[in-house]
Structures are given as structure tokens and as C-alpha cells.
Protein backbone atom coordinates (compact mmCIF):
# COMPACT_ATOMS: atom_id res chain seq x y z
CA MET A 1 0.23 -0.06 -0.01
CA THR A 2 1.06 3.72 -1.16
CA SER A 3 1.98 6.20 1.73
CA SER A 4 -0.05 9.09 1.83
CA THR A 5 0.66 12.75 3.27
CA HIS A 6 -2.33 14.67 5.28
CA THR A 7 -2.99 17.77 7.70
CA ARG A 8 -3.88 16.85 11.11
CA SER A 9 -4.13 19.29 13.63
CA GLY A 10 -1.69 21.26 11.81
CA VAL A 11 1.02 18.53 11.59
CA GLU A 12 2.09 17.37 8.59
CA VAL A 13 1.78 13.41 8.71
CA ARG A 14 2.40 10.50 6.04
CA ALA A 15 0.74 7.62 6.77
CA HIS A 16 2.53 4.51 6.31
CA THR A 17 -0.49 1.64 6.21
CA TYR A 18 -0.61 -2.25 6.64
CA GLU A 19 -3.25 -4.52 5.23
CA THR A 20 -4.38 -7.67 3.87
CA PHE A 21 -2.30 -9.83 5.54
CA SER A 22 -0.64 -12.83 4.37
CA GLY A 23 0.06 -15.12 7.25
CA LEU A 24 3.32 -16.50 8.45
CA ASP A 25 6.80 -16.76 6.86
CA SER A 26 9.33 -18.13 8.75
CA SER A 27 11.46 -18.18 4.78
CA ARG A 28 12.54 -14.95 5.02
CA ASP A 29 14.77 -12.59 7.69
CA ILE A 30 12.15 -10.27 10.08
CA ARG A 31 13.99 -7.17 7.94
CA SER A 32 13.29 -8.06 4.87
CA GLN A 33 9.37 -8.59 4.86
CA ASP A 34 7.74 -5.35 4.79
CA THR A 35 5.46 -5.15 1.92
CA GLY A 36 2.49 -2.96 3.62
CA LYS A 37 -0.08 -4.86 1.13
CA ASP A 38 -0.40 -8.54 1.04
CA GLN A 39 1.60 -8.16 4.77
CA HIS A 40 3.26 -11.22 6.13
CA LEU A 41 3.78 -11.60 10.06
CA SER A 42 6.49 -13.43 11.93
CA VAL A 43 4.01 -14.65 14.81
CA LEU A 44 0.63 -15.38 14.29
CA ASP A 45 -0.86 -17.60 17.51
CA ASN A 46 -4.04 -18.68 17.98
CA GLY A 47 -5.22 -16.78 15.03
CA TYR A 48 -5.71 -16.95 11.03
CA CYS A 49 -5.74 -14.71 7.67
CA ASP A 50 -8.82 -15.15 6.33
CA TRP A 51 -9.04 -14.86 2.36
CA ARG A 52 -9.57 -11.42 2.25
CA GLY A 53 -6.75 -10.63 4.39
CA GLN A 54 -8.18 -9.99 7.71
CA ILE A 55 -6.72 -11.21 11.28
CA VAL A 56 -9.17 -13.39 12.83
CA ARG A 57 -8.83 -14.50 16.37
CA ASP A 58 -9.80 -18.86 16.25
CA PRO A 59 -12.89 -19.68 17.84
CA ALA A 60 -13.48 -20.79 21.33
CA ALA A 61 -14.06 -24.24 22.53
CA THR A 62 -16.34 -26.06 25.07
CA PHE A 63 -15.41 -28.64 27.04
CA ARG A 64 -17.31 -32.03 25.54
CA LYS A 65 -16.22 -34.92 27.81
CA GLY A 66 -13.23 -37.24 29.46
CA GLU A 67 -10.02 -36.48 31.34
CA LYS A 68 -7.24 -38.33 29.83
CA ARG A 69 -5.10 -37.48 27.54
CA ILE A 70 -7.07 -37.55 23.70
CA ASP A 71 -4.42 -39.49 20.93
CA HIS A 72 -6.90 -39.90 18.26
CA LEU A 73 -10.61 -39.89 18.03
CA VAL A 74 -13.13 -40.26 15.17
CA PHE A 75 -16.77 -39.84 13.93
CA TYR A 76 -18.57 -43.03 14.18
CA THR A 77 -22.05 -41.26 13.38
CA PRO A 78 -22.94 -37.88 12.75
CA GLY A 79 -22.96 -36.22 16.53
CA LYS A 80 -21.38 -39.11 18.25
CA LEU A 81 -17.26 -40.05 19.14
CA ALA A 82 -15.13 -42.51 19.54
CA TRP A 83 -11.78 -41.96 20.94
CA ALA A 84 -8.65 -43.64 22.14
CA GLU A 85 -7.79 -42.42 25.46
CA THR A 86 -3.85 -42.90 27.35
CA THR A 87 -4.11 -43.77 30.84
CA GLY A 88 -1.33 -44.38 33.81
CA GLY A 89 -1.83 -48.11 32.72
CA GLY A 90 -2.37 -48.36 28.92
CA VAL A 91 -4.97 -47.36 26.17
CA LYS A 92 -8.50 -47.38 26.43
CA PHE A 93 -11.23 -47.10 23.86
CA ASN A 94 -14.04 -44.74 25.13
CA THR A 95 -17.11 -42.98 23.24
CA ASP A 96 -19.48 -40.63 23.82
CA ASP A 97 -21.92 -43.09 25.56
CA ASP A 98 -19.54 -44.14 27.79
CA VAL A 99 -18.78 -47.58 26.43
CA VAL A 100 -15.10 -48.33 27.37
CA LEU A 101 -12.43 -51.07 26.41
CA ASP A 102 -9.51 -51.24 28.38
CA VAL A 103 -7.25 -53.15 25.73
CA HIS A 104 -3.71 -51.97 24.64
CA PRO A 105 -0.56 -51.27 26.52
CA LEU A 106 1.25 -47.85 26.49
CA GLY A 107 2.21 -46.26 23.68
CA ALA A 108 -0.19 -48.21 20.97
CA LYS A 109 -0.58 -45.83 17.98
CA ILE A 110 -4.14 -45.98 16.82
CA SER A 111 -5.89 -45.22 13.15
CA SER A 112 -8.95 -45.71 12.24
CA THR A 113 -11.87 -45.99 9.57
CA VAL A 114 -15.39 -46.40 9.35
CA PHE A 115 -16.77 -49.08 7.32
CA ASN A 116 -20.10 -50.67 7.01
CA LYS A 117 -21.27 -48.58 9.95
CA LYS A 118 -18.75 -49.08 11.69
CA VAL A 119 -15.55 -47.48 13.37
CA HIS A 120 -12.61 -49.76 13.34
CA PHE A 121 -9.37 -48.71 15.32
CA CYS A 122 -6.10 -50.57 14.41
CA SER A 123 -2.38 -50.89 16.12
CA LEU A 124 0.72 -52.00 15.15
CA ALA A 125 0.76 -55.29 16.00
CA LEU A 126 -2.22 -55.13 17.94
CA PRO A 127 -5.07 -56.83 17.27
CA PRO A 128 -8.22 -54.61 15.65
CA TYR A 129 -11.14 -53.57 17.44
CA SER A 130 -14.86 -52.20 15.97
CA PHE A 131 -17.27 -50.40 17.72
CA ASP A 132 -21.05 -50.45 16.12
CA GLY A 133 -22.82 -47.46 18.43
CA TYR A 134 -23.47 -49.99 20.90
CA SER A 135 -20.25 -52.32 22.36
CA TRP A 136 -16.53 -52.99 21.44
CA LYS A 137 -15.97 -55.93 19.61
CA ALA A 138 -12.42 -58.00 18.29
CA THR A 139 -12.35 -58.57 14.60
CA SER A 140 -13.84 -61.92 13.95
CA SER A 141 -11.52 -62.02 11.10
CA ALA A 142 -8.76 -65.02 12.00
CA ALA A 143 -6.80 -63.52 8.94
CA LEU A 144 -7.42 -59.67 10.28
CA ALA A 145 -6.29 -60.28 13.92
CA LEU A 146 -3.50 -62.09 12.96
CA LEU A 147 -2.56 -59.12 10.12
CA SER A 148 -2.75 -56.70 13.51
CA PRO A 149 -2.24 -54.21 10.93
CA ALA A 150 -1.65 -50.81 12.15
CA TYR A 151 -3.24 -48.69 9.26
CA ALA A 152 -7.06 -48.51 7.94
CA THR A 153 -8.88 -46.69 5.38
CA ALA A 154 -12.05 -47.63 2.82
CA VAL A 155 -12.05 -47.59 -0.82
CA GLN A 156 -14.57 -49.00 -3.50
CA ARG A 157 -16.65 -51.21 -1.25
CA ARG A 158 -13.58 -52.80 0.47
CA MET A 159 -11.79 -51.82 3.98
CA VAL A 160 -7.95 -51.85 3.31
CA VAL A 161 -5.18 -52.51 5.49
CA ALA A 162 -1.60 -52.19 5.83
CA GLY A 163 1.49 -51.75 8.10
CA ILE A 164 1.70 -55.39 8.59
CA PRO A 165 4.62 -56.79 11.06
CA GLY A 166 6.82 -58.81 8.61
CA ARG A 167 4.85 -57.92 5.65
CA GLU A 168 5.75 -54.07 5.86
CA THR A 169 4.97 -53.79 1.64
CA GLU A 170 1.96 -55.69 1.62
CA ILE A 171 -1.91 -54.08 1.35
CA HIS A 172 -4.52 -56.00 2.27
CA LEU A 173 -8.20 -55.51 0.94
CA SER A 174 -11.21 -56.96 2.39
CA ARG A 175 -14.00 -58.87 0.24
CA VAL A 176 -16.44 -56.27 -0.68
CA ASP A 177 -18.96 -54.88 1.93
CA ASN A 178 -17.56 -57.36 3.88
CA GLU A 179 -14.65 -56.67 6.78
CA GLU A 180 -14.90 -60.08 8.17
CA VAL A 181 -13.06 -61.68 5.22
CA PHE A 182 -9.65 -60.51 4.28
CA PRO A 183 -7.23 -62.73 1.68
CA ASP A 184 -6.08 -65.65 4.23
CA ASP A 185 -10.13 -65.89 5.45
CA GLU A 186 -10.66 -67.07 1.46
CA ARG A 187 -10.65 -70.76 0.07
CA ASP A 188 -7.85 -71.19 -2.27
CA ASP A 189 -10.35 -72.38 -4.64
CA GLU A 190 -12.45 -69.07 -4.46
CA ALA A 191 -13.18 -67.85 -7.53
CA SER A 192 -15.49 -64.48 -7.24
CA ILE A 193 -14.25 -61.38 -8.41
CA LEU A 194 -15.52 -59.80 -5.00
CA ARG A 195 -13.03 -61.82 -3.32
CA ALA A 196 -10.36 -60.25 -0.62
CA GLY A 197 -7.05 -59.64 -2.44
CA TYR A 198 -3.50 -57.71 -1.27
CA ILE A 199 -1.13 -55.97 -3.24
CA ASN A 200 2.39 -56.46 -2.66
CA ILE A 201 4.97 -52.81 -3.51
CA ALA A 202 8.50 -54.53 -2.75
CA ASN A 203 9.36 -54.91 -6.43
CA ILE A 204 8.38 -51.99 -7.69
CA LEU A 205 9.60 -49.73 -5.14
CA GLY A 206 13.37 -50.52 -6.08
CA THR A 207 14.33 -49.98 -1.98
CA ALA A 208 13.85 -51.34 1.62
CA ASP A 209 11.37 -48.78 2.26
CA VAL A 210 8.10 -49.70 3.60
CA ILE A 211 4.42 -48.39 4.08
CA LYS A 212 4.31 -45.78 6.28
CA GLY A 213 0.65 -44.57 5.74
CA ILE A 214 -2.67 -45.81 3.04
CA ALA A 215 -5.91 -43.21 2.29
CA SER A 216 -8.60 -43.16 -0.43
CA PHE A 217 -8.39 -41.09 -3.10
CA GLU A 218 -11.03 -39.88 -5.56
CA GLN A 219 -13.94 -42.59 -5.90
CA ASN A 220 -11.76 -45.43 -6.51
CA ARG A 221 -7.88 -44.70 -6.14
CA LEU A 222 -6.29 -46.12 -3.31
CA CYS A 223 -2.93 -43.64 -2.42
CA VAL A 224 -0.09 -46.09 -0.68
CA PHE A 225 2.52 -43.65 0.96
CA THR A 226 6.19 -44.97 2.13
CA SER A 227 8.80 -42.83 3.80
CA ASP A 228 10.17 -42.07 0.15
CA ARG A 229 6.81 -41.86 -2.17
CA CYS A 230 3.40 -42.61 -2.70
CA PHE A 231 1.85 -44.95 -5.36
CA VAL A 232 -1.58 -44.44 -6.58
CA TYR A 233 -3.53 -48.20 -7.16
CA LYS A 234 -7.52 -47.80 -8.86
CA ILE A 235 -8.96 -50.23 -7.22
CA ASP A 236 -12.63 -51.92 -8.29
CA PRO A 237 -15.61 -54.21 -6.86
CA ASP A 238 -13.61 -56.53 -9.59
CA ILE A 239 -10.32 -57.75 -8.43
CA THR A 240 -9.17 -58.20 -11.98
CA GLN A 241 -9.30 -54.52 -12.93
CA TRP A 242 -7.32 -53.45 -9.84
CA TYR A 243 -4.24 -51.97 -11.81
CA LEU A 244 -1.27 -48.90 -10.60
CA ASP A 245 -1.93 -45.73 -12.14
CA ASP A 246 1.33 -45.01 -14.09
CA ARG A 247 0.30 -41.59 -14.79
CA ALA A 248 0.66 -40.51 -10.68
CA ASN A 249 3.81 -39.25 -10.29
CA ILE A 250 4.36 -38.83 -6.34
CA ASN A 251 8.01 -39.03 -5.28
CA ILE A 252 7.31 -37.63 -2.00
CA GLY A 253 6.71 -39.76 1.31
CA THR A 254 4.57 -39.35 4.33
CA ILE A 255 5.92 -39.40 8.38
CA SER A 256 2.45 -40.57 9.97
CA ASN A 257 -0.82 -42.21 8.28
CA ASN A 258 -2.76 -39.75 10.99
CA SER A 259 -1.31 -36.96 9.05
CA ILE A 260 -2.99 -37.79 5.88
CA ALA A 261 -6.87 -35.69 5.47
CA HIS A 262 -9.12 -35.29 2.47
CA ALA A 263 -9.68 -31.41 1.39
CA GLY A 264 -11.65 -31.60 -1.42
CA THR A 265 -10.96 -33.63 -4.43
CA ASP A 266 -7.25 -33.54 -2.78
CA ILE A 267 -5.29 -35.05 -0.03
CA LEU A 268 -2.78 -33.36 2.22
CA PHE A 269 -0.24 -34.96 4.47
CA CYS A 270 3.18 -34.51 6.20
CA SER A 271 6.73 -35.30 4.98
CA ARG A 272 10.04 -34.90 6.45
CA ASN A 273 10.03 -31.80 5.18
CA GLY A 274 6.58 -30.01 4.97
CA VAL A 275 3.02 -29.95 3.72
CA HIS A 276 2.31 -31.88 0.52
CA SER A 277 -0.72 -32.32 -1.60
CA ILE A 278 -2.10 -34.88 -4.12
CA VAL A 279 -3.87 -33.23 -6.85
CA ARG A 280 -5.58 -34.41 -10.19
CA SER A 281 -3.98 -31.56 -13.21
CA GLU A 282 -5.95 -29.25 -13.83
CA ASP A 283 -4.66 -29.05 -17.42
CA ASN A 284 -5.43 -32.43 -18.97
CA GLY A 285 -7.32 -34.33 -15.87
CA ILE A 286 -5.17 -37.42 -16.48
CA LEU A 287 -1.79 -36.79 -14.35
CA VAL A 288 -1.92 -36.94 -10.78
CA TYR A 289 0.95 -35.04 -9.09
CA SER A 290 2.06 -33.65 -5.84
CA GLN A 291 2.70 -29.99 -4.75
CA SER A 292 4.39 -28.17 -1.49
CA MET A 293 2.05 -26.27 0.29
CA SER A 294 4.42 -25.08 3.19
CA ASP A 295 8.01 -23.43 1.61
CA LYS A 296 6.70 -20.15 3.29
CA VAL A 297 7.11 -21.87 6.98
CA GLU A 298 9.48 -24.74 6.17
CA LEU A 299 11.51 -23.63 9.26
CA THR A 300 8.58 -23.52 11.40
CA TYR A 301 7.03 -26.80 10.40
CA ARG A 302 11.16 -28.48 11.30
CA SER A 303 10.83 -26.68 14.25
CA MET A 304 8.02 -28.01 15.92
CA LEU A 305 8.81 -31.26 14.16
CA ALA A 306 12.11 -32.03 15.79
CA ASP A 307 9.96 -31.57 18.86
CA VAL A 308 7.79 -34.67 18.60
CA GLY A 309 9.24 -37.62 20.09
CA ASN A 310 7.67 -40.19 17.28
CA LEU A 311 6.67 -38.79 14.37
CA GLU A 312 3.56 -41.14 14.15
CA ASP A 313 2.41 -39.18 16.21
CA VAL A 314 1.87 -36.14 14.26
CA GLY A 315 -1.99 -36.03 13.24
CA ALA A 316 -4.25 -33.86 11.23
CA VAL A 317 -7.68 -32.70 10.93
CA PHE A 318 -9.33 -31.02 7.81
CA ASP A 319 -12.18 -28.50 8.77
CA GLN A 320 -13.82 -28.64 5.71
CA ASP A 321 -16.44 -25.40 6.27
CA GLU A 322 -13.66 -23.32 7.11
CA GLY A 323 -11.27 -24.83 4.51
CA GLN A 324 -8.53 -25.39 7.60
CA TYR A 325 -6.17 -28.29 7.87
CA HIS A 326 -5.01 -28.49 11.08
CA ILE A 327 -1.64 -30.26 12.09
CA PHE A 328 -0.76 -31.42 15.55
CA PHE A 329 2.60 -31.76 17.05
CA PRO A 330 2.56 -33.57 20.67
CA GLN A 331 5.45 -32.51 22.34
CA GLU A 332 7.29 -35.03 24.38
CA GLY A 333 5.85 -35.70 27.97
CA GLY A 334 2.53 -35.92 27.21
CA LEU A 335 0.95 -33.13 28.26
CA TYR A 336 1.73 -30.05 25.60
CA SER A 337 1.40 -29.61 22.07
CA LYS A 338 1.64 -27.10 19.47
CA ARG A 339 -0.66 -27.17 16.02
CA LEU A 340 0.22 -25.66 12.63
CA THR A 341 -2.97 -24.22 10.77
CA LEU A 342 -2.95 -23.93 6.90
CA THR A 343 -6.04 -21.94 5.87
CA LEU A 344 -7.16 -22.51 2.61
CA ASN A 345 -8.22 -19.79 -0.37
CA PRO A 346 -11.54 -20.36 -1.89
CA GLU A 347 -10.58 -18.22 -4.74
CA VAL A 348 -8.99 -20.10 -7.79
CA GLY A 349 -5.37 -19.11 -7.41
CA GLY A 350 -5.45 -18.16 -4.26
CA LEU A 351 -2.32 -18.68 -1.85
CA PRO A 352 -2.65 -20.78 1.18
CA LYS A 353 -1.61 -18.96 4.42
CA TRP A 354 -0.57 -20.32 7.38
CA SER A 355 -0.75 -20.19 11.63
CA THR A 356 -0.01 -21.69 14.95
CA GLY A 357 -1.96 -22.11 17.68
CA SER A 358 -1.01 -23.16 21.54
CA PHE A 359 -5.07 -23.30 22.40
CA ILE A 360 -5.74 -26.18 25.27
CA ASN A 361 -3.33 -28.10 23.49
CA ALA A 362 -4.76 -29.72 21.16
CA ARG A 363 -3.42 -33.29 19.90
CA SER A 364 -5.67 -34.97 17.65
CA GLY A 365 -9.05 -34.06 15.62
CA ALA A 366 -11.89 -35.40 13.94
CA PHE A 367 -14.64 -33.42 11.57
CA LEU A 368 -17.86 -34.52 10.57
CA ALA A 369 -20.75 -32.44 9.21
CA GLY A 370 -19.33 -29.47 10.91
CA ASP A 371 -18.47 -30.33 13.82
CA LEU A 372 -14.89 -29.59 14.37
CA VAL A 373 -13.92 -31.69 17.69
CA TYR A 374 -10.16 -31.55 19.44
CA GLY A 375 -8.61 -33.97 21.64
CA THR A 376 -6.27 -32.75 24.18
CA SER A 377 -4.09 -33.69 27.48
CA GLY A 378 -7.46 -33.16 29.50
CA GLY A 379 -10.63 -34.52 27.22
CA VAL A 380 -12.47 -33.56 24.48
CA TYR A 381 -13.37 -29.97 23.36
CA ASP A 382 -15.85 -28.87 20.45
CA ILE A 383 -14.92 -25.94 18.75
CA LYS A 384 -17.26 -23.11 17.97
CA LYS A 385 -17.69 -21.23 14.93
CA VAL A 386 -15.50 -18.00 14.71
CA ASP A 387 -18.59 -15.92 15.96
CA GLU A 388 -20.34 -17.91 18.25
CA ALA A 389 -19.15 -18.00 22.39
CA GLY A 390 -17.52 -20.65 24.23
CA ASP A 391 -16.52 -21.53 27.86
CA THR A 392 -12.82 -21.64 26.95
CA LYS A 393 -11.34 -18.18 24.73
CA PRO A 394 -7.88 -18.34 23.02
CA GLU A 395 -5.36 -15.46 23.48
CA MET A 396 -4.22 -14.37 20.41
CA ILE A 397 -0.28 -13.26 19.40
CA VAL A 398 0.30 -11.40 16.55
CA GLN A 399 4.08 -9.85 15.96
CA THR A 400 4.73 -8.15 12.46
CA PRO A 401 8.32 -8.22 11.12
CA ILE A 402 10.45 -4.77 11.12
CA LEU A 403 8.26 -2.38 9.32
CA TRP A 404 10.37 0.18 8.02
CA CYS A 405 7.60 2.95 7.14
CA GLY A 406 9.11 3.79 3.78
CA SER A 407 13.35 4.34 4.07
CA ILE A 408 15.34 1.54 5.81
CA SER A 409 18.05 4.09 6.73
CA GLU A 410 16.18 6.90 7.84
CA THR A 411 15.00 7.98 11.29
CA LYS A 412 11.14 8.56 11.80
CA ASP A 413 9.20 10.89 13.98
CA ALA A 414 6.06 8.69 14.85
CA TYR A 415 2.56 11.09 15.71
CA SER A 416 -0.14 8.56 16.16
CA MET A 417 -1.19 4.98 15.31
CA ILE A 418 -4.36 4.12 13.95
CA ILE A 419 -5.90 0.57 14.10
CA GLN A 420 -8.87 -0.69 12.07
CA ALA A 421 -10.32 -3.62 13.44
CA GLN A 422 -14.39 -4.91 14.23
CA GLY A 423 -15.67 -7.32 17.00
CA ASN A 424 -15.33 -6.91 20.79
CA GLY A 425 -11.83 -7.10 22.73
CA ILE A 426 -8.87 -5.16 24.25
CA LEU A 427 -6.06 -5.04 22.28
CA THR A 428 -3.04 -4.79 23.35
CA VAL A 429 -0.19 -3.25 21.36
CA GLU A 430 3.33 -3.12 22.24
CA ALA A 431 6.52 -1.44 20.20
CA LYS A 432 9.98 -1.92 19.72
CA ASP A 433 12.49 -0.65 17.85
CA GLU A 434 14.83 -2.17 14.95
CA ASN A 435 17.17 -3.55 17.86
CA GLY A 436 14.70 -4.69 20.18
CA ASN A 437 14.42 -1.82 22.67
CA ASP A 438 10.69 -0.82 24.01
CA LEU A 439 9.16 1.76 22.43
CA ALA A 440 5.78 1.98 23.52
CA SER A 441 2.59 0.57 24.46
CA MET A 442 -0.99 0.87 24.06
CA LYS A 443 -4.71 -0.69 24.72
CA PHE A 444 -7.08 -0.03 22.29
CA ASP A 445 -10.56 -1.12 23.54
CA VAL A 446 -12.21 -2.52 20.35
CA THR A 447 -16.19 -2.46 20.44
CA PRO A 448 -18.93 -3.68 18.11
CA GLY A 449 -19.44 -2.04 14.70
CA GLU A 450 -19.08 -2.18 10.98
CA VAL A 451 -15.94 -2.19 9.01
CA ASP A 452 -14.86 0.31 6.65
CA ASP A 453 -12.67 -0.87 4.07
CA THR A 454 -10.17 1.94 3.61
CA PHE A 455 -8.04 4.41 5.64
CA ILE A 456 -9.35 7.81 5.23
CA ALA A 457 -7.63 10.68 7.20
CA ASP A 458 -9.44 13.37 8.96
CA VAL A 459 -12.31 11.01 8.63
CA PRO A 460 -13.79 9.30 11.83
CA LEU A 461 -14.28 5.42 10.99
CA SER A 462 -16.58 3.56 12.81
CA ALA A 463 -14.24 0.96 13.15
CA GLN A 464 -10.95 2.75 12.95
CA TYR A 465 -8.88 3.72 16.27
CA GLU A 466 -6.37 6.09 16.86
CA ARG A 467 -4.05 6.52 19.91
CA LYS A 468 -0.80 9.06 20.16
CA PHE A 469 2.26 6.99 19.27
CA ASP A 470 5.42 9.96 19.95
CA VAL A 471 8.35 8.02 19.37
CA ARG A 472 11.22 7.92 17.49
CA PHE A 473 12.61 4.79 15.80
CA ARG A 474 14.65 3.85 12.14
CA GLY A 475 12.13 0.41 11.85
CA VAL A 476 9.50 -0.70 14.24
CA GLN A 477 7.75 -3.77 15.32
CA LEU A 478 4.56 -4.40 16.87
CA LYS A 479 3.30 -7.10 18.60
CA PHE A 480 -0.51 -7.44 19.26
CA THR A 481 -2.21 -9.31 22.42
CA LEU A 482 -5.99 -9.81 21.93
CA GLN A 483 -8.20 -10.86 25.09
CA SER A 484 -11.45 -11.29 23.05
CA SER A 485 -15.11 -12.86 24.41
CA GLY A 486 -16.20 -13.01 20.65
CA LEU A 487 -16.02 -12.28 16.76
CA PHE A 488 -12.56 -10.28 16.32
CA ARG A 489 -10.97 -8.92 12.86
CA LEU A 490 -7.97 -7.10 13.00
CA VAL A 491 -8.60 -5.20 9.10
CA GLY A 492 -5.20 -2.96 9.41
CA PHE A 493 -3.35 -0.79 11.16
CA ALA A 494 -1.36 2.55 9.73
CA ILE A 495 1.80 4.49 11.79
CA ASN A 496 1.65 8.15 10.69
CA THR A 497 4.65 9.60 11.00
CA ARG A 498 5.72 13.36 10.73
CA GLU A 499 6.44 15.00 7.73
CA PRO A 500 10.11 17.16 7.64
CA LYS A 501 10.06 20.30 7.71
CA LYS A 502 10.66 22.13 4.66
CA ALA A 503 13.33 24.42 4.83
CA LYS A 504 12.43 28.42 4.32
CA ARG A 505 13.53 30.04 1.32
């Protein structure tokens, strides 16, 4: 945004405005990110940038149920949850209706899928269990119990499992519409095209890699992830129609099966170096490829990943209503967790925007039919919409890079600061110079009102707040801390600096 010169109370000032925020960027030094328009941020915690470029506080939360650490949860029917919780003695399965099964030892990593109106929980080298809304039951498939897979999904009316001890390159698919019949359950002379079957990728890998995750893609594709690659198979109820899609070129793998999430027609997942998506080419509709989504926050991503003890603890959920992919990084020790959020832009060609979150130490999540829930170290929480009230409210912290307000070498005399915001809350602004020295601190009491779209000098705006900002600096870094009880949007801000007096002739 360009600066402009206006007269305020006889003082010649130039307004340096900042708006249309673009989320986090850790790929550049904070001294080289002053752009004004499309402004990136160095810290954006418990808030995010929406598709219009406004900074929005994360929604509040309401406690739902539980008191233990929730490492995995899933909706088994709209409005009803099943989850795995860690206690002092092991891993229990629990539900909204208090149907409990104390079944697995400490450290068990759970994955799940919904198939045949049941939720199926799997864990490496342990027997799978299912919940039908009334009770937990061990699998009745002798083959599946023996396989004890780590991962499960469903595609084309078949339940699919992988991560099998001793058979780490195999994917086993159930008989059509029957999760109780897997390949080793079938008769040797079974000829039905609907029979169970398996796929072994050992001889197409070319390396000693193993399967790290599986997921359905589109209507009839199965993505098989290793640490370094992803293979796409076309799956059909007819077993003779299975084949490897050689038009899919995905040379990136995943670190965690639970990080794989469906985002519309695409798939998002976490790799060692960042977040990637699997998409179908818009140009020809034939090629399937991966693209990086997290280049701007690669350093932030790696820093969060370095604090995770076991990479398979990394999980994610996609909020379809808000277009947000939330990634959870549980820290070693079991109590604390960090969150990294990707906010997708609904406009064609719109760039993704990143933010972080420390609110309620979320470590797992699930979404269905408009309901978003987080699992934490102290139970399950319902996440409200941004305009809804909740029992627990996040404190949003935003920090800009160093803003030069024009020349990088000149010293400026500031006159005032203008904040343009909508909502209800107390916004504290702290300012430091380019060397980290404190300059000023001020508070803005934001009250509900309509948002104006532009800064206009000497015209009172219903959502514009001005405070005296009488300091000198070469560069300034601002930190915003918000305490709010409802919807809050920071539209933009401006720093007015005094114009140098012109020499008299």
C-alpha cells in the first residue's frame, strides 16, 4: 500500500498503512518483509488470516467429555465420537456414551476408518477392534487378527489395511462389503471377482522402504505412502480391474498415517520437510502429482517436528467448512502440543496462509457434518464457529516483522497509530525498535461496529481507532495481544509519521 500525506491538527504526517495480511512467513529474515499490502507476519498464534486478508482470532471451545489424554478420535456417526485415551496403565477405547474397552498397552498408536457403519481401530501388532454404536468387539476375521495392521482405510466397498508386521510392503483388501473376510480367510479355490485380495509393492519400490500410510483418493483410487514415495492404485469391486496408475508421479512420502486428510478432491499430508498435497492436473485431468504447500513456513514446520518424540504421533484434521488443515505436534512428555494451521483460499489461484496455535494443547482432531472437535491432554473439546461464544477462549498474539515505514536508513518521528478492527475485545499493542528496545505500549478497546474498507485521514471511521504514538525509530516491530469474548477481526493498521519541515527560502 502506498503512503500518503495529510494534515492533522496542523501537523504534516505521512500514513504508512499495512493490510491484506498473508499469514506466517519464516522463509525470509524479519528485516526484509515490509511490503505494506499483502503483509506477512512473524508470529500469528491462536489466530489466522482469512481469504480477505483480515486477521481473525481462533474460535472458542467448549469442554465435551473425558479427562485423560486423547491421542486419536473419530466420528462413528454424526454427532457421536469414539476415541483412544491414554491412562496410567495403557490405552483405553471410549465413546460419548461411556462404552469403555481397556485393551492396549501404553504407547499404542491408533488409526481408524469407518466401514459398514462401524468404526474400526487398528494398532501395530495388536488385534483390531470395531465399535457399532453399542459395543466394542474384536475382529471376527482370523486373518485380520493375525495381520494386526497399523493402518486402515476404505475404498470401493472394501476395507483396506497395511502396516503389517513382517509384511511391511503389503496392502490387504477385504471382500466387497465384508470386513470379516480378508485374503487368508478365503478358500484357495475361491473364484468370485468380489473376493478379498492383496497388493505387494516390494518389487516396484526398488528400495528397502516400507508402507507408512494409506488413504482413499477420489472415488476409486488408493494412495499407498512410504517414507519417500506414494503409489496410486485404481481399485474396483472387481478384483481383476485393480492396477497401478502409472500416470501418478508422487516422489514424496509421509511421516504419519494420521496426518493424511481429505481436502475436497485433494489429499493433504505431512512429509519430513513440509506439507504436500496430492492433486489431479487441471490441464488434462489425467496426471496426478504432488505439490508443496508449506515453503513459507518450512523452518517453523521443522522446528515443531523436532520437538515430537515419535513422528507417527503427528496427526491432522481438515475442517471442510472453514477450509483449514490443522496439524498437531504432540511434544515429548505427554502434556503439551503445538498446532500448525493451513488456511486455504476459496478463490481460484488464491495462496494458502499459515498460522500456529497453542490453545488447549490440541493433539488430535476429527470433523464431520460441520462439527470440529479436538482431543487434548485433558479430554475432548468442541470447537465453536468464530462468531460463537464458548467456555474457553484463546488469547491471540500477532507480531509483525520489522516495519521500515519508508526508507530503511532514515529515522522517523511517529505521530500516531491507527488500528482498524471489528469485534469486541481489548487489543494491547507493544512497539519495539529495530534493535529490540521498547518504544511504547497502548491499549485499544474495540467495540462492535461495522468495518470500513479503507483508511481515510481526518474522517472518523466506525471501526478505526487512533492513539498517540510519539516515538522515534528507524524500524519498528509491533506485537498485538488480544483478549476477546467473541468474533474479532483486525483489518489493518497505520503508523503516521511527521513529515520533515521544509526549509524556508
